[in-house]
Protein backbone atom coordinates (compact mmCIF):
# COMPACT_ATOMS: atom_id res chain seq x y z
CA MET A 1 -6.41 -20.88 -79.06
CA PRO A 2 -8.98 -20.12 -81.74
CA SER A 3 -7.80 -18.87 -85.12
CA LEU A 4 -4.52 -17.27 -84.04
CA CYS A 5 -1.61 -18.55 -86.14
CA ARG A 6 -3.95 -20.81 -88.07
CA ASN A 7 -3.09 -19.95 -91.67
CA VAL A 8 0.22 -20.01 -93.51
CA ALA A 9 1.52 -19.47 -97.01
CA THR A 10 4.92 -21.10 -96.66
CA CYS A 11 7.81 -21.49 -99.04
CA ALA A 12 6.26 -24.79 -100.05
CA ALA A 13 4.39 -22.52 -102.46
CA ALA A 14 7.36 -22.82 -104.77
CA GLY A 15 7.44 -26.58 -104.41
CA ALA A 16 9.58 -28.68 -106.69
CA GLY A 17 10.28 -25.72 -108.95
CA VAL A 18 12.39 -24.08 -106.27
CA LEU A 19 14.45 -27.18 -105.63
CA ALA A 20 15.05 -27.71 -109.34
CA ALA A 21 16.17 -24.12 -109.77
CA CYS A 22 18.53 -24.43 -106.82
CA LEU A 23 20.09 -27.57 -108.22
CA LEU A 24 20.59 -25.92 -111.58
CA LEU A 25 22.14 -22.84 -110.04
CA ALA A 26 24.18 -24.91 -107.56
CA ALA A 27 24.10 -21.90 -105.28
CA CYS A 28 21.55 -22.72 -102.61
CA LYS A 29 22.67 -22.81 -99.01
CA ASN A 30 19.40 -24.41 -97.88
CA LEU A 31 19.09 -27.50 -100.07
CA GLY A 32 18.20 -29.61 -97.04
CA TYR A 33 15.31 -27.29 -96.21
CA TYR A 34 14.12 -27.16 -99.82
CA GLY A 35 14.19 -30.94 -99.91
CA HIS A 36 12.11 -31.05 -96.74
CA THR A 37 9.43 -28.77 -98.20
CA VAL A 38 9.32 -30.68 -101.48
CA ARG A 39 8.96 -34.04 -99.72
CA GLY A 40 6.22 -32.64 -97.49
CA GLN A 41 4.32 -31.16 -100.40
CA LEU A 42 4.61 -34.34 -102.48
CA GLU A 43 3.39 -36.44 -99.55
CA LEU A 44 0.38 -34.17 -99.18
CA MET A 45 -0.43 -34.36 -102.89
CA ASP A 46 -0.12 -38.14 -102.87
CA LYS A 47 -2.81 -38.39 -100.18
CA ARG A 48 -5.42 -36.41 -102.13
CA GLN A 49 -8.76 -37.97 -103.03
CA PRO A 50 -11.72 -36.32 -104.80
CA VAL A 51 -14.06 -34.93 -102.16
CA GLU A 52 -17.08 -36.32 -104.00
CA SER A 53 -15.60 -39.82 -103.78
CA VAL A 54 -14.97 -39.52 -100.05
CA ILE A 55 -18.50 -38.23 -99.48
CA ALA A 56 -19.98 -41.10 -101.52
CA ASP A 57 -17.90 -43.79 -99.78
CA PRO A 58 -20.16 -45.68 -97.32
CA GLU A 59 -17.12 -46.21 -95.06
CA THR A 60 -16.70 -42.46 -94.52
CA PRO A 61 -17.71 -41.43 -90.96
CA GLU A 62 -20.83 -39.30 -90.95
CA ALA A 63 -19.14 -36.40 -89.13
CA LEU A 64 -16.43 -36.24 -91.80
CA ARG A 65 -19.01 -36.47 -94.58
CA GLU A 66 -20.97 -33.55 -93.16
CA ARG A 67 -17.88 -31.36 -92.91
CA LEU A 68 -16.81 -32.20 -96.45
CA VAL A 69 -20.28 -31.34 -97.76
CA LEU A 70 -20.01 -28.03 -95.92
CA SER A 71 -16.57 -27.39 -97.42
CA GLN A 72 -17.93 -27.81 -100.94
CA GLU A 73 -20.86 -25.50 -100.28
CA ALA A 74 -18.41 -22.90 -99.00
CA ARG A 75 -16.18 -23.52 -102.01
CA GLU A 76 -18.99 -22.71 -104.42
CA PHE A 77 -20.00 -19.65 -102.39
CA ALA A 78 -16.41 -18.37 -102.46
CA SER A 79 -16.24 -18.40 -106.25
CA GLY A 80 -19.79 -17.34 -106.94
CA THR A 81 -20.36 -14.63 -104.32
CA LEU A 82 -16.90 -13.57 -103.20
CA LYS A 83 -15.39 -13.72 -106.71
CA LEU A 84 -12.48 -15.82 -105.48
CA PRO A 85 -10.64 -18.15 -107.90
CA ASP A 86 -12.77 -20.92 -109.42
CA ASN A 87 -10.28 -23.75 -109.78
CA ASP A 88 -9.64 -27.26 -108.47
CA SER A 89 -8.32 -26.18 -105.07
CA TYR A 90 -10.31 -27.56 -102.11
CA ARG A 91 -12.14 -30.06 -104.28
CA THR A 92 -9.98 -32.92 -103.01
CA TYR A 93 -9.39 -34.22 -99.49
CA ALA A 94 -6.20 -35.41 -97.75
CA ASP A 95 -5.83 -36.98 -94.32
CA LEU A 96 -2.32 -36.14 -93.10
CA GLU A 97 -2.77 -38.20 -89.92
CA ARG A 98 -1.35 -35.40 -87.78
CA PRO A 99 -2.87 -32.41 -85.94
CA TYR A 100 -1.20 -29.67 -88.01
CA ALA A 101 -0.36 -29.27 -91.66
CA VAL A 102 2.81 -27.29 -90.91
CA TRP A 103 4.72 -25.77 -88.04
CA LEU A 104 5.93 -22.17 -88.23
CA VAL A 105 9.16 -20.88 -86.74
CA VAL A 106 9.20 -17.14 -86.03
CA ALA A 107 12.31 -15.43 -84.70
CA THR A 108 13.32 -11.95 -83.56
CA LEU A 109 16.45 -10.48 -82.07
CA GLU A 110 16.48 -10.11 -78.29
CA PHE A 111 15.77 -6.39 -78.51
CA ALA A 112 13.60 -6.18 -81.63
CA VAL A 113 9.94 -6.63 -82.47
CA GLU A 114 10.33 -7.10 -86.22
CA PRO A 115 10.59 -10.75 -87.26
CA HIS A 116 13.62 -12.15 -89.01
CA ARG A 117 12.89 -12.79 -92.69
CA TRP A 118 13.95 -15.81 -94.73
CA CYS A 119 14.23 -15.44 -98.49
CA PHE A 120 13.97 -18.19 -101.08
CA ALA A 121 14.44 -18.39 -104.82
CA PHE A 122 11.27 -17.37 -106.67
CA ALA A 123 9.05 -17.73 -103.60
CA GLY A 124 10.33 -14.48 -102.07
CA CYS A 125 10.80 -13.55 -98.42
CA PHE A 126 8.73 -14.65 -95.44
CA SER A 127 8.44 -13.59 -91.80
CA TYR A 128 8.48 -17.22 -90.72
CA ARG A 129 9.90 -20.53 -91.84
CA GLY A 130 7.51 -23.44 -92.28
CA TYR A 131 8.11 -27.14 -91.65
CA PHE A 132 6.03 -30.23 -92.32
CA SER A 133 7.56 -31.86 -89.23
CA GLU A 134 7.23 -30.59 -85.68
CA ALA A 135 10.57 -32.17 -84.75
CA ALA A 136 12.31 -30.37 -87.62
CA ALA A 137 10.72 -27.06 -86.62
CA GLU A 138 11.81 -27.50 -83.00
CA ALA A 139 15.36 -28.42 -84.04
CA PHE A 140 15.64 -25.30 -86.17
CA GLY A 141 14.07 -23.19 -83.41
CA ASN A 142 16.54 -24.52 -80.86
CA ASP A 143 19.43 -23.57 -83.14
CA LEU A 144 18.07 -20.02 -83.32
CA ILE A 145 17.64 -19.86 -79.54
CA ALA A 146 21.26 -20.92 -79.14
CA GLU A 147 22.19 -17.95 -81.35
CA GLY A 148 20.33 -15.58 -79.02
CA TYR A 149 17.04 -15.16 -80.87
CA ASP A 150 13.57 -15.01 -79.34
CA VAL A 151 11.70 -17.89 -80.99
CA HIS A 152 8.05 -18.88 -81.27
CA ILE A 153 6.82 -22.12 -82.88
CA ALA A 154 3.17 -22.43 -83.85
CA GLY A 155 1.17 -25.16 -85.56
CA GLY A 156 -0.72 -24.16 -88.70
CA ILE A 157 -3.77 -26.14 -89.76
CA ALA A 158 -3.59 -25.02 -93.40
CA TYR A 159 -1.43 -23.21 -95.91
CA SER A 160 -1.77 -22.00 -99.46
CA THR A 161 0.48 -22.90 -102.39
CA LEU A 162 -0.81 -19.73 -104.10
CA GLY A 163 -2.12 -21.63 -107.11
CA TRP A 164 1.04 -23.63 -107.83
CA PHE A 165 -0.87 -26.77 -106.86
CA ASP A 166 -4.52 -27.68 -106.32
CA ASP A 167 -4.68 -27.39 -102.54
CA PRO A 168 -6.82 -30.03 -100.81
CA VAL A 169 -9.16 -29.80 -97.86
CA LEU A 170 -7.10 -31.25 -95.00
CA ASN A 171 -8.14 -33.25 -91.97
CA THR A 172 -6.37 -30.59 -89.90
CA MET A 173 -8.96 -28.04 -91.08
CA LEU A 174 -12.08 -29.98 -90.18
CA ASN A 175 -11.94 -30.50 -86.42
CA ARG A 176 -13.50 -27.09 -85.92
CA SER A 177 -16.83 -25.29 -85.87
CA ASP A 178 -18.74 -24.84 -89.12
CA SER A 179 -17.94 -21.13 -89.18
CA ALA A 180 -14.24 -21.77 -88.64
CA ILE A 181 -14.10 -24.25 -91.53
CA VAL A 182 -15.86 -21.89 -93.90
CA SER A 183 -13.80 -18.85 -92.92
CA LEU A 184 -10.58 -20.80 -93.37
CA LEU A 185 -11.49 -21.74 -96.94
CA PHE A 186 -12.24 -18.11 -97.73
CA HIS A 187 -8.91 -17.06 -96.21
CA GLU A 188 -6.82 -19.56 -98.16
CA LEU A 189 -8.53 -18.81 -101.47
CA ALA A 190 -7.89 -15.11 -100.88
CA HIS A 191 -4.16 -15.90 -100.96
CA GLN A 192 -4.68 -17.24 -104.47
CA GLN A 193 -6.58 -14.10 -105.45
CA LEU A 194 -3.75 -11.73 -104.50
CA TYR A 195 -0.21 -12.33 -103.36
CA ILE A 196 2.49 -9.67 -103.11
CA LYS A 197 6.00 -11.05 -103.06
CA ASP A 198 8.08 -10.31 -99.95
CA ASP A 199 5.23 -8.78 -97.91
CA THR A 200 3.73 -11.33 -95.51
CA ALA A 201 1.88 -8.70 -93.46
CA PHE A 202 0.10 -7.32 -96.55
CA ASN A 203 -0.88 -10.77 -97.79
CA GLU A 204 -2.21 -12.03 -94.47
CA ALA A 205 -4.15 -8.87 -93.69
CA PHE A 206 -5.74 -8.92 -97.15
CA ALA A 207 -6.83 -12.53 -96.64
CA VAL A 208 -8.24 -11.79 -93.18
CA ALA A 209 -10.27 -8.87 -94.55
CA VAL A 210 -11.72 -11.04 -97.34
CA GLU A 211 -12.46 -13.80 -94.83
CA ARG A 212 -14.35 -11.49 -92.49
CA GLU A 213 -16.58 -9.92 -95.11
CA GLY A 214 -17.07 -13.32 -96.69
CA MET A 215 -18.28 -14.75 -93.41
CA ARG A 216 -20.71 -11.90 -92.92
CA ARG A 217 -22.29 -12.66 -96.28
CA TRP A 218 -22.20 -16.42 -95.78
CA LEU A 219 -23.98 -16.29 -92.46
CA GLU A 220 -26.51 -13.74 -93.68
CA ASN A 221 -27.16 -16.01 -96.67
CA GLU A 222 -27.71 -18.94 -94.30
CA HIS A 223 -30.18 -16.82 -92.30
CA ASP A 224 -28.60 -18.09 -89.10
CA ALA A 225 -28.93 -15.08 -86.83
CA ALA A 226 -27.65 -16.92 -83.75
CA GLU A 227 -24.50 -18.20 -85.48
CA PHE A 228 -23.86 -14.79 -86.99
CA SER A 229 -24.14 -13.23 -83.55
CA ASP A 230 -21.70 -15.81 -82.14
CA TYR A 231 -19.30 -15.19 -84.99
CA LEU A 232 -19.35 -11.42 -84.42
CA ALA A 233 -18.84 -11.88 -80.68
CA ASN A 234 -15.85 -14.13 -81.32
CA ARG A 235 -14.40 -11.62 -83.77
CA GLU A 236 -14.83 -8.82 -81.26
CA ARG A 237 -12.93 -10.82 -78.64
CA GLN A 238 -10.20 -11.50 -81.17
CA ASP A 239 -9.96 -7.80 -82.01
CA ASP A 240 -9.67 -6.97 -78.32
CA PHE A 241 -6.97 -9.57 -77.81
CA TYR A 242 -4.97 -8.52 -80.87
CA ALA A 243 -5.19 -4.89 -79.77
CA LEU A 244 -3.85 -5.88 -76.37
CA LEU A 245 -0.85 -7.61 -77.93
CA ALA A 246 -0.27 -4.81 -80.42
CA TYR A 247 -0.23 -2.24 -77.65
CA TYR A 248 2.49 -4.03 -75.71
CA ARG A 249 4.42 -4.72 -78.87
CA GLU A 250 4.54 -0.95 -79.34
CA GLN A 251 5.77 -0.56 -75.78
CA LEU A 252 8.57 -3.01 -76.49
CA SER A 253 9.46 -1.21 -79.71
CA SER A 254 9.85 2.06 -77.80
CA LEU A 255 11.90 0.34 -75.12
CA TYR A 256 14.30 -1.24 -77.60
CA ALA A 257 14.78 2.09 -79.38
CA SER A 258 15.70 3.83 -76.11
CA THR A 259 19.18 4.69 -74.82
CA ARG A 260 18.94 2.24 -71.92
CA SER A 261 21.65 -0.32 -71.33
CA ASN A 262 21.02 -3.92 -72.35
CA GLU A 263 20.68 -4.88 -68.69
CA GLU A 264 17.98 -2.24 -68.18
CA LYS A 265 16.22 -3.35 -71.35
CA GLN A 266 16.14 -6.94 -70.15
CA THR A 267 14.56 -5.86 -66.86
CA CYS A 268 12.00 -3.65 -68.54
CA LYS A 269 11.25 -6.29 -71.16
CA ALA A 270 10.26 -8.68 -68.39
CA GLU A 271 8.04 -5.97 -66.86
CA VAL A 272 6.27 -5.42 -70.18
CA PHE A 273 5.30 -9.08 -70.40
CA THR A 274 4.21 -9.08 -66.75
CA GLN A 275 1.99 -6.07 -67.45
CA LEU A 276 0.63 -7.75 -70.58
CA ARG A 277 -0.48 -10.78 -68.58
CA ALA A 278 -2.11 -8.58 -65.95
CA SER A 279 -3.95 -6.60 -68.63
CA TYR A 280 -5.12 -9.84 -70.24
CA GLU A 281 -6.74 -10.91 -66.97
CA THR A 282 -8.51 -7.54 -66.83
CA LEU A 283 -9.64 -7.92 -70.43
CA LYS A 284 -11.09 -11.37 -69.72
CA GLN A 285 -13.44 -9.86 -67.19
CA GLN A 286 -15.25 -8.25 -70.13
CA TRP A 287 -15.75 -11.64 -71.80
CA ASP A 288 -18.06 -13.28 -69.26
CA GLY A 289 -15.70 -16.15 -68.58
CA TYR A 290 -14.48 -16.77 -72.14
CA ASP A 291 -11.00 -18.30 -71.90
CA GLY A 292 -10.20 -19.18 -75.51
CA PHE A 293 -6.82 -17.43 -75.45
CA ASP A 294 -5.62 -18.90 -72.14
CA ALA A 295 -3.58 -21.64 -73.79
CA TRP A 296 -1.68 -19.12 -75.88
CA MET A 297 -1.07 -16.87 -72.88
CA ALA A 298 0.19 -19.83 -70.86
CA LYS A 299 3.13 -20.25 -73.21
CA ASP A 300 6.46 -18.47 -72.95
CA ILE A 301 5.49 -15.16 -74.54
CA ASN A 302 8.32 -13.25 -76.20
CA ASN A 303 9.08 -10.85 -79.05
CA ALA A 304 8.55 -13.56 -81.65
CA SER A 305 5.08 -14.42 -80.29
CA LEU A 306 3.96 -10.83 -80.77
CA ALA A 307 5.63 -10.62 -84.17
CA LEU A 308 3.50 -13.47 -85.50
CA VAL A 309 0.29 -11.79 -84.34
CA ALA A 310 1.34 -8.49 -85.93
CA THR A 311 2.00 -10.31 -89.22
CA TYR A 312 -1.60 -11.49 -89.41
CA GLN A 313 -3.48 -8.51 -87.99
CA GLY A 314 -1.57 -5.23 -88.31
CA LEU A 315 -3.04 -4.03 -91.63
CA VAL A 316 -6.49 -5.60 -91.41
CA PRO A 317 -8.35 -2.38 -90.39
CA GLY A 318 -6.95 -0.59 -93.45
CA PHE A 319 -8.14 -3.32 -95.81
CA ARG A 320 -11.56 -3.41 -94.21
CA LYS A 321 -11.94 0.32 -94.71
CA LEU A 322 -10.77 -0.02 -98.31
CA LEU A 323 -13.43 -2.67 -98.92
CA ALA A 324 -16.09 -0.42 -97.41
CA SER A 325 -14.97 2.46 -99.64
CA GLU A 326 -15.71 0.23 -102.63
CA ASN A 327 -19.23 -0.44 -101.32
CA SER A 328 -18.16 -3.98 -100.43
CA ASP A 329 -17.84 -4.83 -104.12
CA PHE A 330 -15.25 -7.61 -104.12
CA ALA A 331 -14.17 -7.21 -107.74
CA ALA A 332 -13.50 -3.49 -107.23
CA PHE A 333 -11.79 -4.18 -103.90
CA TYR A 334 -9.47 -6.71 -105.49
CA ARG A 335 -8.48 -4.21 -108.16
CA LYS A 336 -7.74 -1.55 -105.53
CA ALA A 337 -5.77 -3.98 -103.40
CA GLU A 338 -3.74 -5.06 -106.42
CA GLN A 339 -2.97 -1.41 -107.20
CA LEU A 340 -1.80 -0.94 -103.62
CA GLY A 341 0.41 -3.97 -103.98
CA GLU A 342 2.21 -2.35 -106.90
CA LEU A 343 3.35 0.56 -104.71
CA PRO A 344 6.62 0.53 -102.75
CA ARG A 345 6.12 -1.27 -99.46
CA ASP A 346 6.47 1.81 -97.25
CA GLU A 347 3.89 3.68 -99.32
CA ARG A 348 1.29 0.91 -99.30
CA ASP A 349 1.76 0.45 -95.55
CA ARG A 350 1.33 4.18 -95.05
CA GLN A 351 -1.87 4.25 -97.07
CA LEU A 352 -3.35 1.24 -95.29
CA ARG A 353 -2.49 2.53 -91.83
CA GLY A 354 -3.79 5.96 -92.82
CA ASN A 355 -7.04 4.38 -93.94
CA ALA A 356 -7.46 2.73 -90.58
CA GLY A 357 -6.39 5.61 -88.36
CA ASN A 358 -4.93 4.56 -85.01
CA THR A 359 -5.01 0.76 -84.97
CA ILE A 360 -3.35 0.37 -81.57
CA THR A 361 -5.31 2.42 -79.05
CA VAL A 362 -8.74 0.85 -79.39
CA THR A 363 -11.56 0.17 -76.99
CA GLY A 364 -10.33 -3.33 -76.16
CA CYS A 365 -7.07 -1.95 -74.76
CA ARG A 366 -8.25 1.21 -73.04
CA PHE A 367 -6.94 -0.11 -69.70
CA CYS A 368 -3.42 -0.91 -70.97
CA GLN A 369 -0.64 1.00 -69.23
CA PRO A 370 3.09 0.99 -69.95
CA PRO A 371 5.29 -0.48 -67.22
CA PRO A 372 6.73 2.22 -64.88
CA CYS A 373 10.35 1.56 -65.88
CA GLN A 374 9.61 2.42 -69.47
CA THR A 375 8.45 5.96 -68.74
CA GLN A 376 11.72 7.05 -67.14
CA ARG A 377 14.34 7.35 -69.87
CA THR A 378 14.11 6.91 -73.62
CA GLY A 379 16.20 7.99 -76.53
């Protein structure tokens, strides 16, 4: 599916420094995992080549050359126009020879919509756990399933080390449309601009807001009215889809907080997901045959699936309104966002959600209805 679960700032951000600290403290319970992330990061770094050299190499396929040229144009635009960090990130290229850079494991309890969080020395806490190997991610996910968790595993085509290393352009990022490549670079550089420890939802929503406004300016600068129109249409479909998922996530949250027995909750939980699928089919009728989210919907949807979407999208409307309040001045917006990040988590969430108003009941989900069983008895 397009652009859902595509970006990740994993605990690889701490890299070798985390492993060294753990060894010194001799207190880490996850040395095997730290070793995995360090090996994956070092392998990635070893594959880096200067983008200019790859572009100049006559053996480079023309399609790859064109995408790398585009990446460098976007890189300059990000620093010059969007005021994002001007450093050596995304000025090298690495071919990982695999379809995804990382695989994310998200987990929730059977009757919970909030994701489990994993905490690491220095890097902080995350709402997912990232792996450089799909097999390793699946093995860890299966262990969690055996413990009774709802689990969702998603491939991520890029991640940010938050400035610890000079992140390269990856082959996993380039098999996409021009707009998708550019927006991804903006998103990942936004993580370097601002990162709040232990708050994945804040960090991802901030990056999405920067990405969206950045794309508006990029496409206006390119004077490509048709592409801009396509981009806006795609974003509108994404907003509709995320609103659909957010609505039913709220229904599940109410269900799990009710006084029903576990058996009743299991039955109603299944009804919620049945209703979600039916509502998705209704929503698609508004899209003139667009089926870009079908692959995601075809999977085994559960609490963890919805938790990952909420992580990336829940606070985006608040950030977009904050940017508008600063007259779309990126430097002023970054200062305001940084000030928000200094507040206690509950307070910054309250302010962002207050900025956005009701982020659940939106036009794209006006047809959503709670399953009948859920309206009968709650706590």
